[in-house]
Amino acid sequence: MERYGVVARVGKGRRVVDAFGDRAAMTGEVEQAEGTWVTVDGGAVTGTLAEAGSGLAELYAIAAKAGLSPLHSDEARAEAAALAASPGIDDATLVDLTHLPLVTIDEVSSRDLDQAVCIERDRDGFVVWYALADASWYVRPGMALYREAVERGSSYYLPGLVLPMLPKVLSEDVVSLNAGVDRRAMVFELRLDAEGRAVERRIHRARVHSRHKLAFDWVQAFLEGGEVDWDADVQASLRLLPEVGERRIVLAEERNVVRYRRAEVEVRLEGLRFVALDEPRNDVERYNEQISLLTNIEGARFLLEGDTEDDAVEPIYRVHEAPGDERFEELRRATIEIARLHGLDPDLWVWRPEREGLNAYLDRLPHDYVGQAIHRQAMIANRPSHFASMPGLHYGVGADVYGRFTAPMREIVGIFLHNEAWEKIAGHALVPEALTRGLRQRVIDASNEARERQRQFDRDANRLVLDHLFEGQDARTYPATVLGITATRIHVQLDSPKIDVKVYVPHVERAWGDSLVLAPGGAGLLDAAGRCRLRLGDRVQVHVVRRDTKRDRWELALDPLSPDRQLSDDR
């Protein structure tokens, strides 16, 4: 079967080596340039994946460093091919829901379509049908597909390169809820009252038929009056999306769910270079998110209901602990110092927890750069979320319990939870105990590790953007905002692209000819005389000093913008 490899120097010649394994030679001598990524079959080069020195070649190198190949083992690919030949769509036990006007709503480029939605009005309430790809029917414990899915933990996304958890014949075809074909699905039937609260839940193992593959921007344009040729019942369903989405957002606000002002940035590979583009979320994406969150909450509640330690159901929960009193106190003190250093009205800018919740405080802050910096400090106060076997609060979504049902082709925890739900519905085990002993903990560990691995990939992608942005640009300056300060680093966000950059305090001290110390609450930097030289929320100019090849990082300096350029942020 086909393999991926990279051309490397072996002895006096160039050969393709297995960059995702032990770097053993896969071919004889080849003519391609060193660093070229190619496909190999039977010891011969069959195609080029990425030219040496290209941006795509850098991405393959990042994947190889993490030991994650875009391809799966021969055994897993053989299993996937067998499933493609017999996809189980005609299973007589499936509930036929192909009449529902389901559609997928995702990014334009998405190919692994996990979810499809339709909404009906039900008196003064609604019925939300949310179909999730039935990956657990195809990928079961004991299979190479399952073993490798646990090893990977999830799919990984780099700009221009996907490292799928499942082979593409499954994730982009047989299991994916593609438009115009029948597919297996776990379908949540959720009845909501007039305020958007879930009052009834049913889960079906069903056959579905997505009508259209839609994108967030297309649906947004339709809701704003654009003309489309979609089926009439699809249009009627989509017109209810804002009603349900807005009601769910109001309920989230009542639960004091904090809404942060985040910069949405998408890193793309354009030609040989990496660029970051501002991609603000539209209303449709927020509404779709609310339905996904609702489904994950209801799925977790279903598994929790009646659960005991000695039964066969083994839920996995996503737990997000609230910041402790100490972190909230640090944030409160930081707002005091920020207001003092900027000379701002404390009645407006200082958070007083005894008077208002964090959500209400952040929501009323002015949309300027200081407000942006305070939002970032509030985000930093959060604890990281994690997967666990015991139920617990998910502070970020304001839920007593929360699961991850909605990405079953992209997260092993989704496959695991779907199987647990099917077993609870059936009332008996669907997989032999010998194959599941200790499996829950392995899935938890793999899922937590996968979250951190994707974060590292995101950092790597941002680094590539900065390398391409700063290379050869010593004379150029970049307007930015100071969003975080520690004793050793200044965290700024560039205006364009809106990407975070670390500026090291020793570099600034050298440029300014002064020593700097951290102000109380991390609200600023003070010089040796105690004068404030830099504050959270300040507008600055970042410029490149040089590339520090020894430490493999950029040495940057910054200067405050003149007072007349400390403009408000109207985003």
Protein backbone atom coordinates (compact mmCIF):
# COMPACT_ATOMS: atom_id res chain seq x y z
CA MET A 1 0.00 0.00 0.00
CA GLU A 2 0.96 3.61 -0.47
CA ARG A 3 3.29 5.26 2.06
CA TYR A 4 4.43 8.84 2.71
CA GLY A 5 8.08 9.74 3.00
CA VAL A 6 10.63 12.53 2.66
CA VAL A 7 13.73 12.68 0.50
CA ALA A 8 16.83 12.69 2.70
CA ARG A 9 20.57 12.31 2.36
CA VAL A 10 21.50 8.66 2.86
CA GLY A 11 25.21 8.01 2.43
CA LYS A 12 26.32 9.74 -0.76
CA GLY A 13 22.91 9.79 -2.40
CA ARG A 14 19.30 10.79 -1.80
CA ARG A 15 16.62 8.30 -0.86
CA VAL A 16 13.05 8.49 0.43
CA VAL A 17 12.91 7.64 4.13
CA ASP A 18 9.94 6.85 6.35
CA ALA A 19 9.67 10.15 8.23
CA PHE A 20 6.75 8.88 10.34
CA GLY A 21 8.52 5.76 11.55
CA ASP A 22 12.14 4.75 12.05
CA ARG A 23 13.45 6.79 9.06
CA ALA A 24 14.39 3.59 7.28
CA ALA A 25 15.01 3.96 3.55
CA MET A 26 11.90 3.17 1.47
CA THR A 27 13.44 3.47 -2.01
CA GLY A 28 16.67 3.39 -3.87
CA GLU A 29 18.37 6.60 -4.95
CA VAL A 30 15.98 9.30 -6.27
CA GLU A 31 16.36 12.57 -8.18
CA GLN A 32 13.98 14.73 -6.13
CA ALA A 33 15.49 17.50 -4.01
CA GLU A 34 16.27 16.82 -0.39
CA GLY A 35 13.27 17.78 1.76
CA THR A 36 10.65 16.87 -0.88
CA TRP A 37 7.67 14.91 0.45
CA VAL A 38 6.47 12.09 -1.78
CA THR A 39 4.23 9.04 -1.95
CA VAL A 40 5.85 5.64 -2.28
CA ASP A 41 4.41 2.28 -3.34
CA GLY A 42 6.39 -0.88 -3.88
CA GLY A 43 9.69 0.91 -3.39
CA ALA A 44 9.00 3.48 -6.12
CA VAL A 45 8.01 7.14 -5.92
CA THR A 46 4.42 7.53 -7.18
CA GLY A 47 3.73 11.22 -6.57
CA THR A 48 4.80 14.48 -4.92
CA LEU A 49 3.09 15.68 -1.75
CA ALA A 50 5.12 18.86 -1.15
CA GLU A 51 8.10 20.45 -2.82
CA ALA A 52 11.24 21.01 -0.74
CA GLY A 53 11.20 24.40 0.99
CA SER A 54 7.45 24.90 0.55
CA GLY A 55 5.04 25.80 3.33
CA LEU A 56 3.32 22.44 2.93
CA ALA A 57 6.65 20.67 3.45
CA GLU A 58 6.99 22.53 6.76
CA LEU A 59 3.58 21.19 7.81
CA TYR A 60 4.55 17.60 7.00
CA ALA A 61 7.71 18.11 9.06
CA ILE A 62 5.62 19.29 12.03
CA ALA A 63 3.39 16.22 11.71
CA ALA A 64 6.42 13.92 11.45
CA LYS A 65 7.97 15.47 14.56
CA ALA A 66 4.77 14.59 16.44
CA GLY A 67 4.79 11.08 14.95
CA LEU A 68 1.39 11.56 13.31
CA SER A 69 1.05 10.33 9.75
CA PRO A 70 -1.87 11.37 7.55
CA LEU A 71 -2.05 7.68 6.60
CA HIS A 72 -3.15 4.74 8.72
CA SER A 73 -1.74 1.24 8.95
CA ASP A 74 -2.39 -1.32 6.21
CA GLU A 75 -4.66 -3.25 8.60
CA ALA A 76 -6.76 -0.19 9.44
CA ARG A 77 -7.04 0.80 5.78
CA ALA A 78 -8.13 -2.74 4.88
CA GLU A 79 -10.83 -2.61 7.56
CA ALA A 80 -11.99 0.78 6.27
CA ALA A 81 -12.21 -0.58 2.70
CA ALA A 82 -14.32 -3.51 3.90
CA LEU A 83 -16.68 -1.15 5.72
CA ALA A 84 -16.98 1.01 2.62
CA ALA A 85 -18.08 -2.08 0.70
CA SER A 86 -20.71 -2.92 3.34
CA PRO A 87 -21.75 0.33 5.08
CA GLY A 88 -24.84 -1.04 6.84
CA ILE A 89 -27.22 1.60 5.52
CA ASP A 90 -29.95 -1.02 4.92
CA ASP A 91 -29.90 -2.17 8.55
CA ALA A 92 -33.52 -3.05 9.37
CA THR A 93 -33.11 -1.88 12.98
CA LEU A 94 -32.51 1.73 11.91
CA VAL A 95 -35.32 4.25 12.37
CA ASP A 96 -36.03 5.83 8.99
CA LEU A 97 -35.67 9.61 9.37
CA THR A 98 -34.73 10.33 5.78
CA HIS A 99 -37.80 12.59 5.46
CA LEU A 100 -36.28 15.19 7.80
CA PRO A 101 -34.92 18.30 6.00
CA LEU A 102 -31.49 17.94 7.59
CA VAL A 103 -28.53 20.00 6.40
CA THR A 104 -24.92 20.28 7.51
CA ILE A 105 -23.58 23.76 8.33
CA ASP A 106 -19.81 24.00 8.55
CA GLU A 107 -16.78 25.65 7.00
CA VAL A 108 -16.75 25.70 3.20
CA SER A 109 -13.66 23.46 3.13
CA SER A 110 -14.94 20.89 5.66
CA ARG A 111 -15.14 17.31 4.41
CA ASP A 112 -15.62 15.37 7.67
CA LEU A 113 -19.24 16.29 8.40
CA ASP A 114 -20.17 15.11 11.89
CA GLN A 115 -23.48 16.93 12.40
CA ALA A 116 -26.67 17.80 10.54
CA VAL A 117 -29.59 19.85 11.89
CA CYS A 118 -33.21 20.71 11.29
CA ILE A 119 -35.72 22.55 13.47
CA GLU A 120 -39.52 22.39 13.65
CA ARG A 121 -41.95 24.62 15.48
CA ASP A 122 -43.92 22.79 18.17
CA ARG A 123 -46.82 24.98 19.43
CA ASP A 124 -44.99 27.75 21.29
CA GLY A 125 -41.77 25.73 21.45
CA PHE A 126 -39.50 23.82 19.07
CA VAL A 127 -38.23 20.39 18.14
CA VAL A 128 -34.52 20.27 17.29
CA TRP A 129 -33.31 17.25 15.36
CA TYR A 130 -29.52 16.93 15.58
CA ALA A 131 -27.96 14.04 13.65
CA LEU A 132 -24.46 12.84 14.51
CA ALA A 133 -22.42 10.51 12.32
CA ASP A 134 -22.71 6.92 13.60
CA ALA A 135 -18.97 6.33 13.82
CA SER A 136 -19.24 3.84 16.70
CA TRP A 137 -21.05 1.34 14.44
CA TYR A 138 -18.05 1.28 12.11
CA VAL A 139 -15.18 1.64 14.59
CA ARG A 140 -15.38 -0.88 17.44
CA PRO A 141 -13.04 -2.13 20.18
CA GLY A 142 -10.88 -4.95 18.92
CA MET A 143 -10.40 -3.40 15.48
CA ALA A 144 -7.20 -1.82 14.22
CA LEU A 145 -9.30 1.24 13.42
CA TYR A 146 -10.27 1.59 17.08
CA ARG A 147 -6.76 0.93 18.36
CA GLU A 148 -5.31 3.61 16.10
CA ALA A 149 -8.12 6.04 16.95
CA VAL A 150 -7.21 5.70 20.62
CA GLU A 151 -3.51 6.17 19.81
CA ARG A 152 -4.28 9.40 17.94
CA GLY A 153 -7.00 10.63 20.29
CA SER A 154 -8.50 12.95 17.68
CA SER A 155 -8.05 14.41 14.23
CA TYR A 156 -5.56 17.27 13.99
CA TYR A 157 -5.78 20.36 11.87
CA LEU A 158 -2.92 22.36 10.43
CA PRO A 159 -3.40 25.01 7.72
CA GLY A 160 -3.64 23.03 4.50
CA LEU A 161 -3.12 19.63 6.15
CA VAL A 162 -5.48 17.33 8.09
CA LEU A 163 -4.23 14.39 10.13
CA PRO A 164 -7.48 12.39 10.40
CA MET A 165 -8.31 10.12 13.31
CA LEU A 166 -10.06 7.77 10.88
CA PRO A 167 -9.06 6.96 7.29
CA LYS A 168 -10.54 9.42 4.83
CA VAL A 169 -12.66 6.77 3.14
CA LEU A 170 -14.61 6.76 6.42
CA SER A 171 -14.27 10.32 7.71
CA GLU A 172 -14.94 12.01 4.38
CA ASP A 173 -17.24 9.46 2.76
CA VAL A 174 -18.85 6.39 4.34
CA VAL A 175 -19.47 7.84 7.82
CA SER A 176 -19.62 11.54 6.95
CA LEU A 177 -23.13 13.04 6.67
CA ASN A 178 -22.60 14.03 3.06
CA ALA A 179 -25.43 15.65 1.14
CA GLY A 180 -27.63 13.62 -1.17
CA VAL A 181 -26.90 10.16 0.28
CA ASP A 182 -28.34 8.03 3.08
CA ARG A 183 -26.17 7.71 6.17
CA ARG A 184 -26.29 6.07 9.61
CA ALA A 185 -26.65 8.55 12.48
CA MET A 186 -27.28 9.01 16.18
CA VAL A 187 -30.16 11.47 16.14
CA PHE A 188 -31.06 13.60 19.16
CA GLU A 189 -34.72 14.64 19.15
CA LEU A 190 -34.85 17.57 21.58
CA ARG A 191 -38.13 19.28 22.48
CA LEU A 192 -37.68 22.82 23.75
CA ASP A 193 -40.17 25.07 25.47
CA ALA A 194 -40.92 28.64 24.45
CA GLU A 195 -37.81 29.88 26.29
CA GLY A 196 -35.52 27.33 24.65
CA ARG A 197 -35.16 24.95 27.61
CA ALA A 198 -34.98 21.23 26.85
CA VAL A 199 -38.10 19.51 28.23
CA GLU A 200 -37.86 16.14 26.47
CA ARG A 201 -35.08 14.10 24.91
CA ARG A 202 -35.12 11.04 22.68
CA ILE A 203 -32.16 9.36 20.98
CA HIS A 204 -32.58 7.35 17.78
CA ARG A 205 -30.23 5.11 15.83
CA ALA A 206 -31.44 6.14 12.42
CA ARG A 207 -31.01 6.39 8.69
CA VAL A 208 -30.83 10.04 7.59
CA HIS A 209 -30.43 11.97 4.35
CA SER A 210 -28.79 15.40 4.45
CA ARG A 211 -30.29 17.67 1.80
CA HIS A 212 -27.45 20.17 1.43
CA LYS A 213 -23.87 20.83 2.52
CA LEU A 214 -24.06 24.46 3.66
CA ALA A 215 -21.52 26.94 5.04
CA PHE A 216 -21.94 29.45 7.87
CA ASP A 217 -21.67 32.45 5.57
CA TRP A 218 -24.21 31.04 3.09
CA VAL A 219 -26.83 30.53 5.78
CA GLN A 220 -26.08 33.97 7.23
CA ALA A 221 -26.65 35.56 3.83
CA PHE A 222 -29.93 33.63 3.46
CA LEU A 223 -31.18 34.80 6.85
CA GLU A 224 -30.35 38.38 5.86
CA GLY A 225 -32.58 38.14 2.80
CA GLY A 226 -30.46 36.42 0.19
CA GLU A 227 -32.11 34.25 -2.44
CA VAL A 228 -31.39 30.52 -2.49
CA ASP A 229 -32.66 27.47 -4.35
CA TRP A 230 -32.78 25.23 -1.27
CA ASP A 231 -35.86 23.10 -0.58
CA ALA A 232 -38.77 25.00 0.99
CA ASP A 233 -38.77 22.84 4.15
CA VAL A 234 -35.02 23.43 4.51
CA GLN A 235 -35.59 27.18 4.33
CA ALA A 236 -38.39 26.96 6.90
CA SER A 237 -36.12 25.00 9.24
CA LEU A 238 -33.24 27.46 8.89
CA ARG A 239 -35.50 30.45 9.62
CA LEU A 240 -36.04 28.95 13.07
CA LEU A 241 -32.30 28.73 13.76
CA PRO A 242 -32.05 32.35 15.04
CA GLU A 243 -35.08 31.88 17.30
CA VAL A 244 -33.61 28.81 18.97
CA GLY A 245 -30.07 30.21 18.99
CA GLU A 246 -31.04 33.53 20.59
CA ARG A 247 -33.11 31.79 23.25
CA ARG A 248 -30.22 29.51 24.12
CA ILE A 249 -27.87 32.51 24.32
CA VAL A 250 -30.27 34.25 26.74
CA LEU A 251 -30.35 31.12 28.90
CA ALA A 252 -26.55 31.03 28.89
CA GLU A 253 -26.48 34.64 30.10
CA GLU A 254 -28.89 33.71 32.90
CA ARG A 255 -26.39 31.00 33.93
CA ASN A 256 -23.69 33.71 34.02
CA VAL A 257 -21.74 32.15 31.18
CA VAL A 258 -18.90 34.53 30.42
CA ARG A 259 -18.63 35.84 26.85
CA TYR A 260 -15.07 36.88 26.07
CA ARG A 261 -14.03 39.22 23.29
CA ARG A 262 -11.82 36.94 21.30
CA ALA A 263 -9.95 37.62 18.09
CA GLU A 264 -10.94 34.92 15.60
CA VAL A 265 -7.94 34.16 13.40
CA GLU A 266 -7.61 31.53 10.70
CA VAL A 267 -4.15 30.52 9.57
CA ARG A 268 -3.98 29.55 5.90
CA LEU A 269 -1.36 28.33 3.52
CA GLU A 270 -1.32 30.55 0.45
CA GLY A 271 1.17 29.36 -2.11
CA LEU A 272 4.42 28.86 -0.22
CA ARG A 273 3.59 31.25 2.62
CA PHE A 274 1.48 31.13 5.76
CA VAL A 275 -0.91 33.99 6.50
CA ALA A 276 -3.35 34.70 9.32
CA LEU A 277 -6.72 36.16 8.40
CA ASP A 278 -9.28 37.78 10.66
CA GLU A 279 -12.38 35.59 10.57
CA PRO A 280 -15.05 37.03 12.88
CA ARG A 281 -17.76 34.55 13.79
CA ASN A 282 -21.17 35.33 12.37
CA ASP A 283 -24.52 34.76 14.08
CA VAL A 284 -25.15 31.43 12.35
CA GLU A 285 -21.93 29.98 13.77
CA ARG A 286 -22.96 31.09 17.26
CA TYR A 287 -26.45 29.61 16.85
CA ASN A 288 -25.04 26.33 15.56
CA GLU A 289 -22.67 26.26 18.52
CA GLN A 290 -25.58 26.64 20.93
CA ILE A 291 -27.32 23.58 19.47
CA SER A 292 -24.10 21.60 19.67
CA LEU A 293 -23.64 22.61 23.31
CA LEU A 294 -27.24 21.68 24.08
CA THR A 295 -26.75 18.25 22.52
CA ASN A 296 -23.58 17.60 24.51
CA ILE A 297 -25.30 18.64 27.74
CA GLU A 298 -28.32 16.43 27.07
CA GLY A 299 -26.13 13.49 26.08
CA ALA A 300 -24.16 13.77 29.33
CA ARG A 301 -27.37 14.03 31.36
CA PHE A 302 -28.72 10.91 29.65
CA LEU A 303 -25.65 8.89 30.63
CA LEU A 304 -25.69 10.28 34.17
CA GLU A 305 -29.36 9.48 34.85
CA GLY A 306 -29.52 6.44 37.10
CA ASP A 307 -25.81 5.75 36.68
CA THR A 308 -24.23 3.70 39.47
CA GLU A 309 -20.70 2.53 40.07
CA ASP A 310 -21.60 -1.14 39.58
CA ASP A 311 -23.46 -0.85 36.28
CA ALA A 312 -21.94 -1.35 32.84
CA VAL A 313 -22.32 2.26 31.69
CA GLU A 314 -19.02 4.15 31.82
CA PRO A 315 -19.57 7.82 30.93
CA ILE A 316 -16.80 10.28 30.21
CA TYR A 317 -17.42 13.91 31.07
CA ARG A 318 -15.81 17.16 30.05
CA VAL A 319 -15.11 19.01 33.32
CA HIS A 320 -14.19 22.67 33.61
CA GLU A 321 -13.74 23.90 37.16
CA ALA A 322 -14.55 27.50 37.93
CA PRO A 323 -11.62 29.77 38.82
CA GLY A 324 -11.03 29.63 42.56
CA ASP A 325 -11.48 32.57 44.92
CA GLU A 326 -7.75 33.27 44.75
CA ARG A 327 -7.82 33.71 40.96
CA PHE A 328 -10.92 35.88 41.11
CA GLU A 329 -9.22 38.02 43.75
CA GLU A 330 -6.12 38.38 41.54
CA LEU A 331 -8.35 39.52 38.68
CA ARG A 332 -10.15 42.03 40.91
CA ARG A 333 -6.85 43.50 42.08
CA ALA A 334 -5.60 43.66 38.50
CA THR A 335 -8.63 45.76 37.48
CA ILE A 336 -7.87 48.16 40.35
CA GLU A 337 -4.28 48.60 39.16
CA ILE A 338 -5.27 48.91 35.50
CA ALA A 339 -7.76 51.66 36.33
CA ARG A 340 -5.17 53.43 38.52
CA LEU A 341 -2.34 53.31 35.96
CA HIS A 342 -4.61 54.54 33.15
CA GLY A 343 -6.31 57.16 35.33
CA LEU A 344 -9.73 55.65 34.62
CA ASP A 345 -12.98 55.96 36.59
CA PRO A 346 -12.90 53.10 39.13
CA ASP A 347 -16.71 52.97 39.27
CA LEU A 348 -16.69 51.89 35.63
CA TRP A 349 -13.49 49.91 35.38
CA VAL A 350 -12.97 48.12 38.69
CA TRP A 351 -14.68 44.77 39.14
CA ARG A 352 -16.57 44.45 42.42
CA PRO A 353 -17.77 40.84 42.73
CA GLU A 354 -20.10 41.72 45.59
CA ARG A 355 -22.05 43.92 43.17
CA GLU A 356 -22.03 41.96 39.90
CA GLY A 357 -20.97 38.72 38.31
CA LEU A 358 -17.96 38.49 36.04
CA ASN A 359 -20.11 38.11 32.93
CA ALA A 360 -22.06 41.31 33.64
CA TYR A 361 -18.84 43.21 34.39
CA LEU A 362 -17.03 42.12 31.24
CA ASP A 363 -20.11 42.66 29.10
CA ARG A 364 -20.46 46.31 30.09
CA LEU A 365 -16.80 47.28 29.64
CA PRO A 366 -16.18 49.77 26.82
CA HIS A 367 -15.05 48.27 23.51
CA ASP A 368 -11.58 49.81 23.68
CA TYR A 369 -8.10 48.43 24.06
CA VAL A 370 -8.12 48.51 27.86
CA GLY A 371 -11.38 46.57 27.85
CA GLN A 372 -9.79 44.07 25.49
CA ALA A 373 -6.83 43.64 27.86
CA ILE A 374 -9.14 43.04 30.84
CA HIS A 375 -11.02 40.39 28.87
CA ARG A 376 -7.71 38.66 28.22
CA GLN A 377 -6.84 38.76 31.94
CA ALA A 378 -10.21 37.17 32.73
CA MET A 379 -9.49 34.39 30.22
CA ILE A 380 -6.10 33.77 31.80
CA ALA A 381 -7.80 33.35 35.18
CA ASN A 382 -9.59 30.25 33.89
CA ARG A 383 -8.51 26.75 34.72
CA PRO A 384 -8.05 24.33 31.81
CA SER A 385 -10.87 21.89 31.10
CA HIS A 386 -10.26 18.14 30.93
CA PHE A 387 -11.95 14.78 30.38
CA ALA A 388 -12.80 12.75 33.49
CA SER A 389 -14.75 9.69 34.59
CA MET A 390 -16.61 11.58 37.32
CA PRO A 391 -19.26 14.21 36.51
CA GLY A 392 -18.55 17.81 37.36
CA LEU A 393 -19.37 21.39 36.50
CA HIS A 394 -18.42 22.79 33.10
CA TYR A 395 -17.93 26.42 34.04
CA GLY A 396 -17.31 27.57 30.47
CA VAL A 397 -20.78 26.57 29.26
CA GLY A 398 -22.60 26.84 32.59
CA ALA A 399 -23.63 23.17 32.68
CA ASP A 400 -23.83 20.80 35.63
CA VAL A 401 -22.59 17.99 33.36
CA TYR A 402 -21.17 18.05 29.85
CA GLY A 403 -20.00 15.45 27.34
CA ARG A 404 -18.53 15.44 23.84
CA PHE A 405 -20.97 13.61 21.58
CA THR A 406 -20.87 15.96 18.61
CA ALA A 407 -17.53 15.11 16.97
CA PRO A 408 -17.57 11.29 16.74
CA MET A 409 -15.40 11.12 13.62
CA ARG A 410 -12.83 13.57 14.98
CA GLU A 411 -12.55 12.58 18.66
CA ILE A 412 -12.21 9.10 20.14
CA VAL A 413 -14.25 10.23 23.14
CA GLY A 414 -17.21 10.73 20.76
CA ILE A 415 -17.01 7.14 19.51
CA PHE A 416 -16.72 5.90 23.09
CA LEU A 417 -19.70 7.93 24.34
CA HIS A 418 -21.90 6.88 21.42
CA ASN A 419 -21.26 3.24 22.25
CA GLU A 420 -22.05 3.83 25.93
CA ALA A 421 -25.33 5.50 24.94
CA TRP A 422 -26.28 2.61 22.63
CA GLU A 423 -25.52 0.11 25.39
CA LYS A 424 -27.63 2.04 27.89
CA ILE A 425 -30.52 2.17 25.42
CA ALA A 426 -30.17 -1.54 24.60
CA GLY A 427 -29.86 -2.51 28.26
CA HIS A 428 -26.90 -4.78 27.68
CA ALA A 429 -23.28 -4.70 26.52
CA LEU A 430 -22.66 -4.51 22.80
CA VAL A 431 -18.93 -5.16 23.07
CA PRO A 432 -17.30 -8.10 24.94
CA GLU A 433 -16.00 -7.06 28.35
CA ALA A 434 -12.55 -8.41 27.54
CA LEU A 435 -12.20 -5.72 24.86
CA THR A 436 -13.35 -2.84 27.05
CA ARG A 437 -11.52 -3.54 30.32
CA GLY A 438 -9.58 -0.36 31.18
CA LEU A 439 -10.70 1.26 27.93
CA ARG A 440 -12.39 4.27 29.49
CA GLN A 441 -9.20 5.47 31.18
CA ARG A 442 -7.20 4.95 27.99
CA VAL A 443 -9.72 7.07 26.07
CA ILE A 444 -9.63 9.77 28.78
CA ASP A 445 -5.84 9.90 28.69
CA ALA A 446 -5.73 9.93 24.89
CA SER A 447 -8.36 12.68 24.68
CA ASN A 448 -6.61 14.93 27.19
CA GLU A 449 -3.28 14.43 25.42
CA ALA A 450 -4.92 15.20 22.07
CA ARG A 451 -6.17 18.57 23.29
CA GLU A 452 -2.66 19.59 24.25
CA ARG A 453 -1.24 18.25 20.98
CA GLN A 454 -3.68 20.35 18.94
CA ARG A 455 -2.76 23.42 21.00
CA GLN A 456 0.88 22.75 20.16
CA PHE A 457 -0.01 22.47 16.47
CA ASP A 458 -1.81 25.82 16.73
CA ARG A 459 1.30 27.36 18.28
CA ASP A 460 3.43 25.83 15.52
CA ALA A 461 1.11 27.28 12.88
CA ASN A 462 1.25 30.73 14.47
CA ARG A 463 5.03 30.46 14.55
CA LEU A 464 5.09 29.77 10.81
CA VAL A 465 2.96 32.87 10.22
CA LEU A 466 5.38 34.98 12.26
CA ASP A 467 8.41 33.53 10.49
CA HIS A 468 6.93 34.44 7.12
CA LEU A 469 5.72 37.81 8.38
CA PHE A 470 8.96 38.96 10.03
CA GLU A 471 11.53 37.51 7.62
CA GLY A 472 13.43 40.36 6.02
CA GLN A 473 11.21 43.00 7.63
CA ASP A 474 13.69 44.65 10.01
CA ALA A 475 12.53 48.16 9.08
CA ARG A 476 8.80 47.50 9.36
CA THR A 477 6.70 48.21 12.48
CA TYR A 478 3.46 46.54 13.52
CA PRO A 479 0.78 48.33 15.60
CA ALA A 480 -0.29 46.13 18.51
CA THR A 481 -2.01 46.05 21.89
CA VAL A 482 -0.49 44.92 25.19
CA LEU A 483 -2.74 42.13 26.54
CA GLY A 484 -0.51 40.49 29.15
CA ILE A 485 2.62 41.22 31.18
CA THR A 486 4.78 38.98 33.33
CA ALA A 487 8.18 39.57 34.88
CA THR A 488 9.90 38.19 31.76
CA ARG A 489 7.45 38.56 28.86
CA ILE A 490 5.09 41.06 27.30
CA HIS A 491 2.20 39.51 25.38
CA VAL A 492 0.92 41.69 22.57
CA GLN A 493 -1.62 41.16 19.81
CA LEU A 494 -0.81 42.54 16.40
CA ASP A 495 -3.50 44.59 14.68
CA SER A 496 -3.02 42.75 11.40
CA PRO A 497 -2.96 39.85 11.46
CA LYS A 498 -4.58 39.53 14.90
CA ILE A 499 -2.02 37.09 16.21
CA ASP A 500 -0.30 36.97 19.60
CA VAL A 501 3.41 37.72 19.87
CA LYS A 502 5.76 37.42 22.84
CA VAL A 503 8.20 40.27 23.45
CA TYR A 504 10.87 39.46 26.03
CA VAL A 505 11.41 41.99 28.80
CA PRO A 506 15.26 41.82 28.62
CA HIS A 507 15.05 42.81 24.94
CA VAL A 508 12.89 45.82 25.83
CA GLU A 509 15.23 46.76 28.69
CA ARG A 510 18.17 46.70 26.28
CA ALA A 511 16.30 48.85 23.76
CA TRP A 512 15.07 51.32 26.39
CA GLY A 513 18.29 51.37 28.42
CA ASP A 514 16.44 50.83 31.67
CA SER A 515 15.59 48.02 34.08
CA LEU A 516 11.93 47.11 34.45
CA VAL A 517 9.93 45.44 37.20
CA LEU A 518 6.38 44.13 37.26
CA ALA A 519 3.71 46.42 38.67
CA PRO A 520 1.18 45.05 41.21
CA GLY A 521 -1.37 42.74 39.61
CA GLY A 522 0.72 42.47 36.45
CA ALA A 523 -0.93 45.69 35.27
CA GLY A 524 2.26 47.25 33.93
CA LEU A 525 6.04 47.56 33.99
CA LEU A 526 7.81 50.10 36.19
CA ASP A 527 11.30 51.54 35.68
CA ALA A 528 13.98 51.89 38.35
CA ALA A 529 12.46 55.20 39.52
CA GLY A 530 9.03 53.61 39.97
CA ARG A 531 7.51 55.29 36.91
CA CYS A 532 5.12 53.25 34.81
CA ARG A 533 6.62 52.65 31.38
CA LEU A 534 4.07 50.20 29.97
CA ARG A 535 0.49 49.26 30.89
CA LEU A 536 -2.00 46.56 30.00
CA GLY A 537 -4.14 47.95 27.20
CA ASP A 538 -1.39 50.25 25.87
CA ARG A 539 -1.01 50.64 22.15
CA VAL A 540 2.53 49.92 20.95
CA GLN A 541 4.61 49.56 17.82
CA VAL A 542 6.42 46.23 17.49
CA HIS A 543 9.50 46.03 15.31
CA VAL A 544 11.93 43.26 14.48
CA VAL A 545 15.46 43.53 15.87
CA ARG A 546 16.89 40.23 14.63
CA ARG A 547 16.39 36.50 14.49
CA ASP A 548 17.95 34.85 17.55
CA THR A 549 19.07 31.61 15.88
CA LYS A 550 20.62 30.23 19.07
CA ARG A 551 17.30 30.36 20.94
CA ASP A 552 15.23 29.90 17.75
CA ARG A 553 13.05 32.94 18.32
CA TRP A 554 12.58 36.49 17.13
CA GLU A 555 14.09 39.35 19.13
CA LEU A 556 11.50 42.12 19.08
CA ALA A 557 11.38 45.61 20.51
CA LEU A 558 8.44 47.88 21.08
CA ASP A 559 7.69 51.54 21.56
CA PRO A 560 4.49 53.13 22.83
CA LEU A 561 2.34 54.85 20.24
CA SER A 562 2.04 58.60 20.63
CA PRO A 563 -0.92 59.75 22.80
CA ASP A 564 -2.93 60.88 19.78
CA ARG A 565 -2.76 57.35 18.36
CA GLN A 566 -4.07 55.60 21.47
CA LEU A 567 -7.31 55.00 19.59
CA SER A 568 -10.40 53.20 20.86
CA ASP A 569 -11.15 49.73 19.64
CA ASP A 570 -14.59 49.67 18.05
CA ARG A 571 -14.54 45.98 17.20
